[in-house]
Amino acid sequence: MIIKKRNKIMDALKIKNANGEINKNVIIGSGAVLIVIIGLFIFFSLPKHLTGEYSHKTNLLLFSSTDTLKFDGDKVIEYTDGKKAQSGTYTISGSELKMTIAKYNMTAKLSDDKQSFVVESADGLASLTEGFKYTKTDKQ
Protein backbone atom coordinates (compact mmCIF):
# COMPACT_ATOMS: atom_id res chain seq x y z
CA MET A 1 0.00 0.00 0.00
CA ILE A 2 2.77 2.46 0.93
CA ILE A 3 4.75 1.51 -2.19
CA LYS A 4 1.69 2.17 -4.39
CA LYS A 5 1.22 5.63 -2.85
CA ARG A 6 4.88 6.42 -3.34
CA ASN A 7 4.72 5.32 -6.98
CA LYS A 8 1.61 7.46 -7.54
CA ILE A 9 3.39 10.49 -6.09
CA MET A 10 6.48 9.87 -8.22
CA ASP A 11 4.30 9.44 -11.31
CA ALA A 12 2.47 12.68 -10.53
CA LEU A 13 5.77 14.51 -10.17
CA LYS A 14 7.15 12.81 -13.31
CA ILE A 15 10.17 11.66 -11.32
CA LYS A 16 9.98 8.25 -13.00
CA ASN A 17 9.95 7.84 -16.76
CA ALA A 18 7.92 5.29 -18.77
CA ASN A 19 10.46 2.53 -18.01
CA GLY A 20 10.07 3.04 -14.26
CA GLU A 21 13.55 4.59 -13.92
CA ILE A 22 14.19 7.81 -12.03
CA ASN A 23 14.27 10.74 -14.46
CA LYS A 24 17.57 12.51 -13.76
CA ASN A 25 16.61 15.58 -15.82
CA VAL A 26 13.69 16.36 -13.51
CA ILE A 27 15.91 16.10 -10.42
CA ILE A 28 18.70 18.22 -11.97
CA GLY A 29 16.19 20.82 -13.20
CA SER A 30 14.52 20.99 -9.79
CA GLY A 31 17.89 21.43 -8.11
CA ALA A 32 18.82 24.23 -10.52
CA VAL A 33 15.52 26.04 -9.85
CA LEU A 34 16.10 25.73 -6.10
CA ILE A 35 19.61 27.18 -6.41
CA VAL A 36 18.29 30.13 -8.46
CA ILE A 37 15.56 30.82 -5.88
CA ILE A 38 18.07 30.76 -3.02
CA GLY A 39 20.44 33.02 -4.99
CA LEU A 40 17.69 35.56 -5.67
CA PHE A 41 16.69 35.53 -2.00
CA ILE A 42 20.28 36.25 -0.95
CA PHE A 43 20.69 38.98 -3.60
CA PHE A 44 17.51 40.81 -2.60
CA SER A 45 18.21 40.52 1.12
CA LEU A 46 21.61 42.28 0.86
CA PRO A 47 21.53 45.90 2.02
CA LYS A 48 21.37 48.45 -0.79
CA HIS A 49 22.04 51.46 1.41
CA LEU A 50 24.76 52.73 3.69
CA THR A 51 24.08 53.20 7.39
CA GLY A 52 25.94 55.12 10.01
CA GLU A 53 28.51 57.89 9.97
CA TYR A 54 31.57 58.36 7.76
CA SER A 55 34.08 61.04 8.73
CA HIS A 56 37.11 62.87 7.36
CA LYS A 57 39.38 65.07 9.46
CA THR A 58 41.22 67.96 7.81
CA ASN A 59 44.28 69.50 9.46
CA LEU A 60 45.59 72.76 8.05
CA LEU A 61 48.32 74.44 10.08
CA LEU A 62 46.63 75.27 13.40
CA PHE A 63 43.13 74.64 12.08
CA SER A 64 41.36 71.28 12.31
CA SER A 65 37.89 70.39 11.04
CA THR A 66 35.90 67.16 10.94
CA ASP A 67 33.36 66.60 8.19
CA THR A 68 30.88 63.80 8.89
CA LEU A 69 28.33 62.31 6.52
CA LYS A 70 25.50 60.41 8.20
CA PHE A 71 23.66 57.91 5.98
CA ASP A 72 20.15 56.65 6.69
CA GLY A 73 18.01 55.00 4.02
CA ASP A 74 18.59 57.01 0.85
CA LYS A 75 19.28 60.23 2.79
CA VAL A 76 22.62 61.77 3.74
CA ILE A 77 23.19 64.56 6.24
CA GLU A 78 26.47 66.49 6.45
CA TYR A 79 27.80 67.65 9.82
CA THR A 80 30.74 70.04 10.16
CA ASP A 81 32.43 69.77 13.56
CA GLY A 82 29.27 68.16 14.96
CA LYS A 83 26.85 70.81 13.66
CA LYS A 84 24.31 69.96 10.95
CA ALA A 85 25.32 71.74 7.77
CA GLN A 86 23.14 70.42 4.93
CA SER A 87 21.36 67.33 3.67
CA GLY A 88 20.68 65.46 0.47
CA THR A 89 20.27 62.05 -1.14
CA TYR A 90 22.55 59.38 -2.54
CA THR A 91 22.56 56.27 -4.72
CA ILE A 92 24.92 53.31 -4.99
CA SER A 93 25.70 51.46 -8.20
CA GLY A 94 28.31 48.76 -7.73
CA SER A 95 31.20 50.53 -5.99
CA GLU A 96 30.14 54.00 -7.15
CA LEU A 97 28.52 56.31 -4.61
CA LYS A 98 26.73 59.35 -6.03
CA MET A 99 25.57 62.07 -3.64
CA THR A 100 23.62 65.27 -4.09
CA ILE A 101 24.08 67.39 -0.98
CA ALA A 102 22.33 70.77 -1.11
CA LYS A 103 23.06 71.84 -4.70
CA TYR A 104 26.39 70.00 -5.07
CA ASN A 105 26.98 66.66 -6.79
CA MET A 106 29.71 64.32 -5.62
CA THR A 107 30.94 60.95 -6.87
CA ALA A 108 32.96 58.60 -4.67
CA LYS A 109 34.38 55.09 -4.85
CA LEU A 110 33.26 52.73 -2.09
CA SER A 111 35.67 50.20 -0.62
CA ASP A 112 34.73 46.54 -1.06
CA ASP A 113 33.72 46.21 2.60
CA LYS A 114 31.78 49.53 2.49
CA GLN A 115 33.73 50.79 5.50
CA SER A 116 35.17 53.78 3.62
CA PHE A 117 34.96 55.78 0.41
CA VAL A 118 37.15 58.26 -1.48
CA VAL A 119 35.64 61.32 -3.17
CA GLU A 120 36.63 61.16 -6.84
CA SER A 121 34.83 64.21 -8.20
CA ALA A 122 32.54 67.01 -7.07
CA ASP A 123 31.26 70.28 -8.40
CA GLY A 124 31.33 73.78 -6.99
CA LEU A 125 32.71 74.34 -3.51
CA ALA A 126 32.41 70.60 -2.83
CA SER A 127 35.31 70.04 -5.26
CA LEU A 128 37.60 70.85 -2.32
CA THR A 129 36.77 67.36 -0.99
CA GLU A 130 38.20 65.55 -4.05
CA GLY A 131 40.63 62.89 -2.85
CA PHE A 132 39.31 62.93 0.72
CA LYS A 133 38.81 59.53 2.32
CA TYR A 134 35.79 59.13 4.59
CA THR A 135 35.91 56.23 7.04
CA LYS A 136 33.04 54.68 8.94
CA THR A 137 33.19 55.87 12.53
CA ASP A 138 30.49 53.70 14.06
CA LYS A 139 30.30 49.94 13.66
CA GLN A 140 26.73 48.63 13.38
C-alpha atoms as a PDB file:
ATOM      1  CA  MET A   1       0.000   0.000   0.000  1.00  0.00           C
ATOM      2  CA  ILE A   2       2.775   2.457   0.931  1.00  0.00           C
ATOM      3  CA  ILE A   3       4.745   1.514  -2.189  1.00  0.00           C
ATOM      4  CA  LYS A   4       1.691   2.165  -4.388  1.00  0.00           C
ATOM      5  CA  LYS A   5       1.216   5.629  -2.851  1.00  0.00           C
ATOM      6  CA  ARG A   6       4.884   6.417  -3.337  1.00  0.00           C
ATOM      7  CA  ASN A   7       4.724   5.318  -6.981  1.00  0.00           C
ATOM      8  CA  LYS A   8       1.609   7.458  -7.544  1.00  0.00           C
ATOM      9  CA  ILE A   9       3.389  10.491  -6.093  1.00  0.00           C
ATOM     10  CA  MET A  10       6.483   9.867  -8.220  1.00  0.00           C
ATOM     11  CA  ASP A  11       4.300   9.441 -11.315  1.00  0.00           C
ATOM     12  CA  ALA A  12       2.466  12.675 -10.533  1.00  0.00           C
ATOM     13  CA  LEU A  13       5.769  14.513 -10.169  1.00  0.00           C
ATOM     14  CA  LYS A  14       7.150  12.814 -13.305  1.00  0.00           C
ATOM     15  CA  ILE A  15      10.167  11.661 -11.322  1.00  0.00           C
ATOM     16  CA  LYS A  16       9.980   8.251 -12.998  1.00  0.00           C
ATOM     17  CA  ASN A  17       9.953   7.836 -16.758  1.00  0.00           C
ATOM     18  CA  ALA A  18       7.923   5.293 -18.773  1.00  0.00           C
ATOM     19  CA  ASN A  19      10.459   2.534 -18.006  1.00  0.00           C
ATOM     20  CA  GLY A  20      10.072   3.040 -14.259  1.00  0.00           C
ATOM     21  CA  GLU A  21      13.548   4.586 -13.920  1.00  0.00           C
ATOM     22  CA  ILE A  22      14.192   7.806 -12.029  1.00  0.00           C
ATOM     23  CA  ASN A  23      14.270  10.738 -14.457  1.00  0.00           C
ATOM     24  CA  LYS A  24      17.569  12.514 -13.756  1.00  0.00           C
ATOM     25  CA  ASN A  25      16.610  15.576 -15.815  1.00  0.00           C
ATOM     26  CA  VAL A  26      13.693  16.361 -13.506  1.00  0.00           C
ATOM     27  CA  ILE A  27      15.910  16.097 -10.421  1.00  0.00           C
ATOM     28  CA  ILE A  28      18.696  18.225 -11.975  1.00  0.00           C
ATOM     29  CA  GLY A  29      16.190  20.821 -13.196  1.00  0.00           C
ATOM     30  CA  SER A  30      14.517  20.990  -9.792  1.00  0.00           C
ATOM     31  CA  GLY A  31      17.891  21.428  -8.110  1.00  0.00           C
ATOM     32  CA  ALA A  32      18.821  24.231 -10.522  1.00  0.00           C
ATOM     33  CA  VAL A  33      15.521  26.036  -9.853  1.00  0.00           C
ATOM     34  CA  LEU A  34      16.098  25.727  -6.101  1.00  0.00           C
ATOM     35  CA  ILE A  35      19.613  27.181  -6.409  1.00  0.00           C
ATOM     36  CA  VAL A  36      18.289  30.134  -8.455  1.00  0.00           C
ATOM     37  CA  ILE A  37      15.557  30.820  -5.884  1.00  0.00           C
ATOM     38  CA  ILE A  38      18.074  30.758  -3.017  1.00  0.00           C
ATOM     39  CA  GLY A  39      20.440  33.021  -4.985  1.00  0.00           C
ATOM     40  CA  LEU A  40      17.688  35.555  -5.667  1.00  0.00           C
ATOM     41  CA  PHE A  41      16.689  35.535  -2.002  1.00  0.00           C
ATOM     42  CA  ILE A  42      20.278  36.255  -0.945  1.00  0.00           C
ATOM     43  CA  PHE A  43      20.686  38.977  -3.597  1.00  0.00           C
ATOM     44  CA  PHE A  44      17.515  40.812  -2.601  1.00  0.00           C
ATOM     45  CA  SER A  45      18.214  40.518   1.122  1.00  0.00           C
ATOM     46  CA  LEU A  46      21.609  42.275   0.865  1.00  0.00           C
ATOM     47  CA  PRO A  47      21.530  45.899   2.024  1.00  0.00           C
ATOM     48  CA  LYS A  48      21.373  48.450  -0.790  1.00  0.00           C
ATOM     49  CA  HIS A  49      22.044  51.462   1.411  1.00  0.00           C
ATOM     50  CA  LEU A  50      24.764  52.727   3.694  1.00  0.00           C
ATOM     51  CA  THR A  51      24.083  53.197   7.389  1.00  0.00           C
ATOM     52  CA  GLY A  52      25.943  55.121  10.013  1.00  0.00           C
ATOM     53  CA  GLU A  53      28.508  57.894   9.968  1.00  0.00           C
ATOM     54  CA  TYR A  54      31.568  58.360   7.763  1.00  0.00           C
ATOM     55  CA  SER A  55      34.084  61.042   8.728  1.00  0.00           C
ATOM     56  CA  HIS A  56      37.110  62.870   7.359  1.00  0.00           C
ATOM     57  CA  LYS A  57      39.379  65.073   9.458  1.00  0.00           C
ATOM     58  CA  THR A  58      41.222  67.962   7.808  1.00  0.00           C
ATOM     59  CA  ASN A  59      44.277  69.498   9.462  1.00  0.00           C
ATOM     60  CA  LEU A  60      45.587  72.764   8.049  1.00  0.00           C
ATOM     61  CA  LEU A  61      48.322  74.435  10.082  1.00  0.00           C
ATOM     62  CA  LEU A  62      46.628  75.267  13.400  1.00  0.00           C
ATOM     63  CA  PHE A  63      43.134  74.642  12.076  1.00  0.00           C
ATOM     64  CA  SER A  64      41.355  71.282  12.312  1.00  0.00           C
ATOM     65  CA  SER A  65      37.894  70.389  11.040  1.00  0.00           C
ATOM     66  CA  THR A  66      35.896  67.159  10.943  1.00  0.00           C
ATOM     67  CA  ASP A  67      33.364  66.599   8.189  1.00  0.00           C
ATOM     68  CA  THR A  68      30.881  63.802   8.888  1.00  0.00           C
ATOM     69  CA  LEU A  69      28.332  62.313   6.519  1.00  0.00           C
ATOM     70  CA  LYS A  70      25.498  60.409   8.196  1.00  0.00           C
ATOM     71  CA  PHE A  71      23.656  57.915   5.980  1.00  0.00           C
ATOM     72  CA  ASP A  72      20.149  56.654   6.693  1.00  0.00           C
ATOM     73  CA  GLY A  73      18.013  54.997   4.022  1.00  0.00           C
ATOM     74  CA  ASP A  74      18.587  57.009   0.850  1.00  0.00           C
ATOM     75  CA  LYS A  75      19.279  60.232   2.792  1.00  0.00           C
ATOM     76  CA  VAL A  76      22.618  61.769   3.738  1.00  0.00           C
ATOM     77  CA  ILE A  77      23.194  64.565   6.244  1.00  0.00           C
ATOM     78  CA  GLU A  78      26.466  66.494   6.452  1.00  0.00           C
ATOM     79  CA  TYR A  79      27.799  67.646   9.816  1.00  0.00           C
ATOM     80  CA  THR A  80      30.737  70.036  10.162  1.00  0.00           C
ATOM     81  CA  ASP A  81      32.425  69.774  13.558  1.00  0.00           C
ATOM     82  CA  GLY A  82      29.266  68.165  14.960  1.00  0.00           C
ATOM     83  CA  LYS A  83      26.847  70.812  13.658  1.00  0.00           C
ATOM     84  CA  LYS A  84      24.311  69.963  10.952  1.00  0.00           C
ATOM     85  CA  ALA A  85      25.320  71.737   7.771  1.00  0.00           C
ATOM     86  CA  GLN A  86      23.145  70.415   4.932  1.00  0.00           C
ATOM     87  CA  SER A  87      21.355  67.334   3.671  1.00  0.00           C
ATOM     88  CA  GLY A  88      20.677  65.465   0.469  1.00  0.00           C
ATOM     89  CA  THR A  89      20.267  62.055  -1.140  1.00  0.00           C
ATOM     90  CA  TYR A  90      22.548  59.383  -2.540  1.00  0.00           C
ATOM     91  CA  THR A  91      22.561  56.272  -4.719  1.00  0.00           C
ATOM     92  CA  ILE A  92      24.918  53.313  -4.990  1.00  0.00           C
ATOM     93  CA  SER A  93      25.696  51.463  -8.201  1.00  0.00           C
ATOM     94  CA  GLY A  94      28.312  48.761  -7.726  1.00  0.00           C
ATOM     95  CA  SER A  95      31.205  50.530  -5.994  1.00  0.00           C
ATOM     96  CA  GLU A  96      30.144  53.997  -7.150  1.00  0.00           C
ATOM     97  CA  LEU A  97      28.525  56.310  -4.606  1.00  0.00           C
ATOM     98  CA  LYS A  98      26.725  59.354  -6.033  1.00  0.00           C
ATOM     99  CA  MET A  99      25.575  62.074  -3.637  1.00  0.00           C
ATOM    100  CA  THR A 100      23.624  65.268  -4.086  1.00  0.00           C
ATOM    101  CA  ILE A 101      24.078  67.392  -0.975  1.00  0.00           C
ATOM    102  CA  ALA A 102      22.332  70.768  -1.109  1.00  0.00           C
ATOM    103  CA  LYS A 103      23.062  71.839  -4.700  1.00  0.00           C
ATOM    104  CA  TYR A 104      26.387  70.000  -5.066  1.00  0.00           C
ATOM    105  CA  ASN A 105      26.977  66.664  -6.790  1.00  0.00           C
ATOM    106  CA  MET A 106      29.713  64.318  -5.621  1.00  0.00           C
ATOM    107  CA  THR A 107      30.942  60.951  -6.872  1.00  0.00           C
ATOM    108  CA  ALA A 108      32.964  58.603  -4.666  1.00  0.00           C
ATOM    109  CA  LYS A 109      34.382  55.087  -4.852  1.00  0.00           C
ATOM    110  CA  LEU A 110      33.265  52.725  -2.088  1.00  0.00           C
ATOM    111  CA  SER A 111      35.669  50.197  -0.623  1.00  0.00           C
ATOM    112  CA  ASP A 112      34.731  46.536  -1.061  1.00  0.00           C
ATOM    113  CA  ASP A 113      33.717  46.206   2.599  1.00  0.00           C
ATOM    114  CA  LYS A 114      31.781  49.534   2.492  1.00  0.00           C
ATOM    115  CA  GLN A 115      33.730  50.787   5.504  1.00  0.00           C
ATOM    116  CA  SER A 116      35.165  53.779   3.617  1.00  0.00           C
ATOM    117  CA  PHE A 117      34.963  55.782   0.406  1.00  0.00           C
ATOM    118  CA  VAL A 118      37.153  58.265  -1.478  1.00  0.00           C
ATOM    119  CA  VAL A 119      35.636  61.321  -3.174  1.00  0.00           C
ATOM    120  CA  GLU A 120      36.626  61.161  -6.844  1.00  0.00           C
ATOM    121  CA  SER A 121      34.825  64.214  -8.197  1.00  0.00           C
ATOM    122  CA  ALA A 122      32.543  67.008  -7.065  1.00  0.00           C
ATOM    123  CA  ASP A 123      31.260  70.284  -8.403  1.00  0.00           C
ATOM    124  CA  GLY A 124      31.334  73.775  -6.987  1.00  0.00           C
ATOM    125  CA  LEU A 125      32.714  74.336  -3.508  1.00  0.00           C
ATOM    126  CA  ALA A 126      32.408  70.597  -2.832  1.00  0.00           C
ATOM    127  CA  SER A 127      35.306  70.040  -5.265  1.00  0.00           C
ATOM    128  CA  LEU A 128      37.602  70.845  -2.323  1.00  0.00           C
ATOM    129  CA  THR A 129      36.774  67.361  -0.994  1.00  0.00           C
ATOM    130  CA  GLU A 130      38.203  65.550  -4.054  1.00  0.00           C
ATOM    131  CA  GLY A 131      40.625  62.887  -2.854  1.00  0.00           C
ATOM    132  CA  PHE A 132      39.309  62.928   0.721  1.00  0.00           C
ATOM    133  CA  LYS A 133      38.815  59.527   2.325  1.00  0.00           C
ATOM    134  CA  TYR A 134      35.790  59.129   4.592  1.00  0.00           C
ATOM    135  CA  THR A 135      35.913  56.235   7.037  1.00  0.00           C
ATOM    136  CA  LYS A 136      33.036  54.679   8.937  1.00  0.00           C
ATOM    137  CA  THR A 137      33.192  55.866  12.530  1.00  0.00           C
ATOM    138  CA  ASP A 138      30.493  53.697  14.061  1.00  0.00           C
ATOM    139  CA  LYS A 139      30.295  49.938  13.659  1.00  0.00           C
ATOM    140  CA  GLN A 140      26.726  48.629  13.383  1.00  0.00           C
END
